[in-house]
Protein backbone atom coordinates (compact mmCIF):
# COMPACT_ATOMS: atom_id res chain seq x y z
CA MET A 1 -11.93 -21.21 92.79
CA LYS A 2 -10.43 -17.73 92.85
CA THR A 3 -7.01 -19.20 93.58
CA ALA A 4 -7.22 -21.61 90.61
CA ALA A 5 -8.26 -18.79 88.26
CA THR A 6 -5.42 -16.59 89.53
CA ALA A 7 -2.91 -19.44 89.12
CA LEU A 8 -4.16 -20.09 85.59
CA LEU A 9 -3.93 -16.40 84.70
CA PHE A 10 -0.40 -16.23 86.14
CA ALA A 11 0.64 -19.34 84.14
CA ILE A 12 -0.74 -17.85 80.91
CA LEU A 13 1.09 -14.55 81.51
CA ALA A 14 4.33 -16.41 82.28
CA LEU A 15 4.03 -18.42 79.04
CA LEU A 16 3.33 -15.24 77.04
CA PHE A 17 6.38 -13.58 78.58
CA ILE A 18 8.59 -16.57 77.79
CA TYR A 19 7.22 -16.88 74.25
CA SER A 20 7.70 -13.18 73.50
CA SER A 21 11.34 -13.30 74.62
CA ILE A 22 12.25 -16.12 72.24
CA ASP A 23 14.09 -15.02 69.11
CA PRO A 24 12.33 -16.89 66.28
CA SER A 25 15.45 -16.85 64.11
CA GLN A 26 17.21 -19.01 66.71
CA ASN A 27 14.58 -21.73 66.45
CA ARG A 28 14.24 -21.79 62.68
CA GLN A 29 16.03 -24.66 61.06
CA GLN A 30 18.59 -23.25 58.65
CA THR A 31 18.84 -24.87 55.25
CA PRO A 32 22.00 -24.66 53.16
CA GLN A 33 20.07 -23.50 50.12
CA SER A 34 16.98 -21.72 48.99
CA GLN A 35 15.16 -22.92 45.94
CA THR A 36 14.36 -19.35 44.98
CA SER A 37 17.89 -17.90 44.90
CA LEU A 38 20.79 -18.42 42.56
CA LEU A 39 23.53 -19.08 45.10
CA LEU A 40 25.89 -22.02 45.25
CA HIS A 41 25.37 -24.21 48.30
CA GLU A 42 28.12 -24.09 50.89
CA SER A 43 27.37 -27.59 52.13
CA ARG A 44 26.70 -30.03 49.35
CA LEU A 45 25.06 -33.44 49.41
CA GLN A 46 25.82 -36.23 46.98
CA ALA A 47 23.49 -36.07 43.98
CA PRO A 48 20.92 -38.88 43.84
CA ARG A 49 21.07 -41.55 41.16
CA LEU A 50 20.02 -40.32 37.74
CA ASP A 51 19.35 -42.63 34.79
CA VAL A 52 18.35 -41.03 31.51
CA LEU A 53 18.12 -41.74 27.81
CA VAL A 54 20.17 -39.29 25.73
CA ASP A 55 19.03 -39.58 22.12
CA GLY A 56 18.02 -43.17 22.95
CA THR A 57 21.26 -44.18 24.72
CA GLU A 58 21.16 -44.89 28.45
CA VAL A 59 23.42 -42.60 30.51
CA GLU A 60 24.02 -42.49 34.27
CA LEU A 61 25.10 -39.41 36.20
CA GLN A 62 27.96 -41.43 37.71
CA GLN A 63 29.58 -41.50 34.25
CA MET A 64 29.96 -37.70 34.37
CA LEU A 65 32.11 -37.38 37.49
CA GLY A 66 34.91 -34.87 36.97
CA GLN A 67 32.76 -32.37 35.11
CA VAL A 68 30.07 -29.88 36.06
CA VAL A 69 26.64 -31.25 35.15
CA TYR A 70 23.62 -29.07 34.55
CA VAL A 71 20.33 -30.92 35.02
CA ASN A 72 17.11 -29.29 33.91
CA PHE A 73 13.68 -30.88 34.24
CA TRP A 74 11.11 -29.57 31.75
CA ALA A 75 7.92 -30.56 29.93
CA TYR A 76 6.35 -29.63 26.62
CA TRP A 77 3.17 -28.38 28.34
CA CYS A 78 5.12 -26.00 30.66
CA PRO A 79 5.16 -22.42 29.21
CA PRO A 80 8.17 -21.17 31.28
CA CYS A 81 10.08 -24.31 30.24
CA ILE A 82 9.41 -23.67 26.57
CA GLU A 83 10.26 -19.98 26.91
CA GLU A 84 13.71 -20.65 28.35
CA LEU A 85 14.88 -23.43 26.00
CA PRO A 86 16.85 -21.09 23.71
CA LEU A 87 18.58 -19.68 26.81
CA LEU A 88 19.43 -23.21 28.01
CA ASN A 89 21.03 -23.81 24.64
CA THR A 90 23.11 -20.62 25.10
CA ILE A 91 24.09 -21.62 28.64
CA SER A 92 25.18 -25.07 27.50
CA GLN A 93 27.22 -23.75 24.55
CA SER A 94 28.86 -21.03 26.68
CA ALA A 95 29.76 -23.40 29.51
CA LEU A 96 31.25 -25.96 27.14
CA THR A 97 33.83 -23.44 25.99
CA SER A 98 35.17 -22.90 29.51
CA GLY A 99 35.72 -26.40 30.86
CA ALA A 100 34.40 -29.87 31.53
CA PHE A 101 30.62 -29.56 31.31
CA SER A 102 27.55 -31.62 30.41
CA SER A 103 23.93 -30.64 30.29
CA LEU A 104 20.96 -32.95 30.73
CA ILE A 105 17.81 -31.08 29.70
CA ILE A 106 15.38 -33.80 30.77
CA ASN A 107 11.90 -33.91 29.29
CA LEU A 108 9.37 -35.30 31.79
CA ASP A 109 6.52 -35.86 29.36
CA THR A 110 5.10 -39.38 29.53
CA ASP A 111 2.41 -39.13 26.90
CA GLU A 112 3.85 -40.34 23.56
CA GLN A 113 2.17 -37.49 21.64
CA ASN A 114 3.77 -34.88 23.91
CA ILE A 115 7.14 -36.64 23.72
CA VAL A 116 7.07 -36.40 19.92
CA LYS A 117 6.00 -32.73 20.12
CA ALA A 118 8.71 -31.99 22.70
CA GLN A 119 11.38 -33.69 20.62
CA LYS A 120 10.36 -31.75 17.50
CA PHE A 121 10.19 -28.47 19.41
CA LEU A 122 13.62 -29.01 20.97
CA GLN A 123 15.15 -29.70 17.54
CA GLU A 124 13.78 -26.37 16.31
CA ALA A 125 14.31 -24.19 19.41
CA ALA A 126 17.66 -25.54 20.60
CA PRO A 127 19.15 -27.85 17.95
CA GLU A 128 22.47 -28.26 19.79
CA LEU A 129 20.77 -29.85 22.81
CA SER A 130 20.24 -33.59 22.91
CA PHE A 131 16.77 -34.94 23.57
CA VAL A 132 16.92 -36.42 27.05
CA ARG A 133 14.17 -38.33 28.81
CA LEU A 134 14.00 -40.53 31.85
CA SER A 135 14.79 -44.18 31.36
CA THR A 136 11.91 -46.54 32.05
CA HIS A 137 13.29 -47.65 35.43
CA SER A 138 14.44 -44.19 36.53
CA GLN A 139 13.40 -42.86 39.93
CA ALA A 140 14.73 -39.36 39.15
CA LYS A 141 11.42 -37.55 39.64
CA ASP A 142 11.25 -38.91 43.17
CA ASN A 143 15.00 -38.77 43.89
CA TYR A 144 15.22 -35.11 42.84
CA LEU A 145 11.86 -34.13 44.38
CA VAL A 146 10.53 -32.74 41.10
CA ASN A 147 7.27 -31.07 42.08
CA SER A 148 7.47 -27.85 40.07
CA LEU A 149 8.88 -26.95 36.67
CA PRO A 150 11.26 -25.82 35.42
CA LEU A 151 13.76 -27.22 37.91
CA HIS A 152 17.47 -26.44 37.52
CA ILE A 153 20.21 -28.37 39.31
CA LEU A 154 23.98 -27.86 39.09
CA ILE A 155 26.14 -30.80 40.13
CA ASP A 156 29.80 -30.17 40.90
CA LYS A 157 32.74 -32.23 39.65
CA LYS A 158 32.54 -34.49 42.71
CA GLY A 159 28.91 -35.40 42.01
CA ARG A 160 27.37 -33.17 44.70
CA VAL A 161 24.36 -30.88 44.31
CA ALA A 162 25.77 -27.34 44.22
CA LEU A 163 22.59 -25.51 43.27
CA ARG A 164 18.88 -26.25 43.06
CA TYR A 165 16.61 -23.58 41.60
CA THR A 166 12.94 -23.74 40.72
CA GLY A 167 11.63 -21.25 38.18
CA THR A 168 12.66 -19.74 34.90
CA LEU A 169 16.19 -18.56 34.18
CA VAL A 170 15.08 -16.16 31.43
CA ASP A 171 16.34 -13.08 33.32
CA LYS A 172 19.19 -14.86 35.10
CA GLY A 173 21.22 -16.44 32.30
CA ASP A 174 24.41 -14.39 32.82
CA LEU A 175 24.47 -15.10 36.56
CA PHE A 176 23.84 -18.79 35.95
CA ILE A 177 26.76 -18.97 33.51
CA LYS A 178 29.00 -17.28 36.13
CA LEU A 179 28.00 -19.94 38.67
CA VAL A 180 28.78 -22.72 36.19
CA ARG A 181 32.21 -21.22 35.54
CA GLN A 182 32.81 -20.87 39.26
CA LEU A 183 32.09 -24.58 39.66
CA GLN A 184 34.33 -25.39 36.71
CA GLY A 185 37.18 -23.62 38.54
CA GLU A 186 36.77 -25.69 41.70
CA ASP A 187 38.91 -28.77 42.34
């Protein structure tokens, strides 16, 4: 009995020693991006399919290859989304002047009352932006893993996700515009 207890104690101490000598940073899986930082991804994956209605006309992301595409998911009931709409208008206008660029500021409201409110609000807050909503067969919410708003995605000219950021851009507009211009300069 004493021998079994001693062996068990020795095994536990050996495991503790081994565990304490492991560098946790070596075991952590590294991801190419953080959703909380405004940095362009070094390794980029092809953007998922995106079908939207832009002022009632169906548009697919594939049609925008060759230009930088800014995708923003928002909703009328989301205070940070509403707060940043004028900034999104500024970003879109600024980026258009420096190269091939499209913005899809996608409203995720599904309730018809909120859609009407969102459309009216967008016309007042950012009149240069088109009203964009998901097409009826779109899987964009699932494809882009939209689980928090606002969600900002930059897609490079080759159709790859270059940045994914969750949260408001209110204090980060200048940096965001720099990143767009950097993408516009890439081949």
